[in-house]
């Protein structure tokens, strides 16, 4: 992100039903770890540095 690469660890939860795997993977990153300052609109609307990433996936046998 923003021209920078970091390794991240995801907490993965999933289940297998028949020939299909479904689940979610979550991780928390910080904008400043990627050289991005959290947006601040005149101290009225201030974004937090912490960003939660959630991926939802489904894999099926071809």
C-alpha atoms as a PDB file:
ATOM      1  CA  UNK A   1       0.000   0.000   0.000  1.00  0.00           C
ATOM      2  CA  UNK A   2       1.287   3.464  -0.836  1.00  0.00           C
ATOM      3  CA  UNK A   3       4.363   1.898  -2.485  1.00  0.00           C
ATOM      4  CA  UNK A   4       5.364  -0.032   0.643  1.00  0.00           C
ATOM      5  CA  UNK A   5       5.182  -3.769   1.345  1.00  0.00           C
ATOM      6  CA  UNK A   6       4.801  -5.200   4.852  1.00  0.00           C
ATOM      7  CA  UNK A   7       4.273  -8.775   5.976  1.00  0.00           C
ATOM      8  CA  UNK A   8       1.033  -9.188   7.896  1.00  0.00           C
ATOM      9  CA  UNK A   9      -0.411 -12.045   9.940  1.00  0.00           C
ATOM     10  CA  UNK A  10      -4.074 -12.966   9.446  1.00  0.00           C
ATOM     11  CA  UNK A  11      -6.347 -14.848  11.840  1.00  0.00           C
ATOM     12  CA  UNK A  12      -8.096 -17.379   9.583  1.00  0.00           C
ATOM     13  CA  UNK A  13     -11.289 -19.253  10.386  1.00  0.00           C
ATOM     14  CA  UNK A  14     -12.894 -21.620   7.927  1.00  0.00           C
ATOM     15  CA  UNK A  15     -14.964 -24.711   7.419  1.00  0.00           C
ATOM     16  CA  UNK A  16     -15.234 -27.482   4.868  1.00  0.00           C
ATOM     17  CA  UNK A  17     -18.643 -28.616   3.655  1.00  0.00           C
ATOM     18  CA  UNK A  18     -18.482 -31.268   0.979  1.00  0.00           C
ATOM     19  CA  UNK A  19     -16.041 -29.998  -1.647  1.00  0.00           C
ATOM     20  CA  UNK A  20     -16.297 -26.331  -0.612  1.00  0.00           C
ATOM     21  CA  UNK A  21     -14.159 -24.357   1.839  1.00  0.00           C
ATOM     22  CA  UNK A  22     -15.507 -21.053   3.188  1.00  0.00           C
ATOM     23  CA  UNK A  23     -14.160 -18.676   5.767  1.00  0.00           C
ATOM     24  CA  UNK A  24     -12.782 -15.331   6.807  1.00  0.00           C
ATOM     25  CA  UNK A  25      -9.326 -13.919   7.419  1.00  0.00           C
ATOM     26  CA  UNK A  26      -8.798 -10.800   9.551  1.00  0.00           C
ATOM     27  CA  UNK A  27      -5.824  -8.603  10.350  1.00  0.00           C
ATOM     28  CA  UNK A  28      -5.236  -5.155  11.808  1.00  0.00           C
ATOM     29  CA  UNK A  29      -2.822  -2.744  10.151  1.00  0.00           C
ATOM     30  CA  UNK A  30      -1.832   0.828  10.896  1.00  0.00           C
ATOM     31  CA  UNK A  31      -1.750   3.503   8.191  1.00  0.00           C
ATOM     32  CA  UNK A  32       1.458   4.969   9.590  1.00  0.00           C
ATOM     33  CA  UNK A  33       3.223   1.617   9.046  1.00  0.00           C
ATOM     34  CA  UNK A  34       2.795   2.352   5.329  1.00  0.00           C
ATOM     35  CA  UNK A  35       3.852   6.003   5.474  1.00  0.00           C
ATOM     36  CA  UNK A  36       0.258   7.280   5.444  1.00  0.00           C
ATOM     37  CA  UNK A  37      -0.943   9.841   7.960  1.00  0.00           C
ATOM     38  CA  UNK A  38      -4.580   9.301   9.007  1.00  0.00           C
ATOM     39  CA  UNK A  39      -6.820  11.916   7.343  1.00  0.00           C
ATOM     40  CA  UNK A  40      -7.808  14.887   9.483  1.00  0.00           C
ATOM     41  CA  UNK A  41     -10.402  17.373   8.249  1.00  0.00           C
ATOM     42  CA  UNK A  42      -9.818  20.518  10.328  1.00  0.00           C
ATOM     43  CA  UNK A  43     -10.044  18.490  13.562  1.00  0.00           C
ATOM     44  CA  UNK A  44     -13.735  17.886  12.788  1.00  0.00           C
ATOM     45  CA  UNK A  45     -13.485  14.496  11.090  1.00  0.00           C
ATOM     46  CA  UNK A  46     -10.398  12.554  12.170  1.00  0.00           C
ATOM     47  CA  UNK A  47      -9.676   9.033  10.929  1.00  0.00           C
ATOM     48  CA  UNK A  48      -8.072   6.516  13.251  1.00  0.00           C
ATOM     49  CA  UNK A  49      -4.655   5.055  12.418  1.00  0.00           C
ATOM     50  CA  UNK A  50      -5.925   1.489  12.955  1.00  0.00           C
ATOM     51  CA  UNK A  51      -7.505  -0.334   9.974  1.00  0.00           C
ATOM     52  CA  UNK A  52      -9.236  -3.716  10.260  1.00  0.00           C
ATOM     53  CA  UNK A  53      -8.983  -5.857   7.110  1.00  0.00           C
ATOM     54  CA  UNK A  54     -11.490  -8.690   6.682  1.00  0.00           C
ATOM     55  CA  UNK A  55     -11.355 -11.083   3.740  1.00  0.00           C
ATOM     56  CA  UNK A  56     -14.200 -13.505   3.046  1.00  0.00           C
ATOM     57  CA  UNK A  57     -13.385 -16.459   0.811  1.00  0.00           C
ATOM     58  CA  UNK A  58     -14.967 -19.470  -0.874  1.00  0.00           C
ATOM     59  CA  UNK A  59     -12.990 -22.210  -2.625  1.00  0.00           C
ATOM     60  CA  UNK A  60     -14.636 -24.972  -4.632  1.00  0.00           C
ATOM     61  CA  UNK A  61     -13.201 -27.989  -6.411  1.00  0.00           C
ATOM     62  CA  UNK A  62     -13.005 -27.288 -10.146  1.00  0.00           C
END
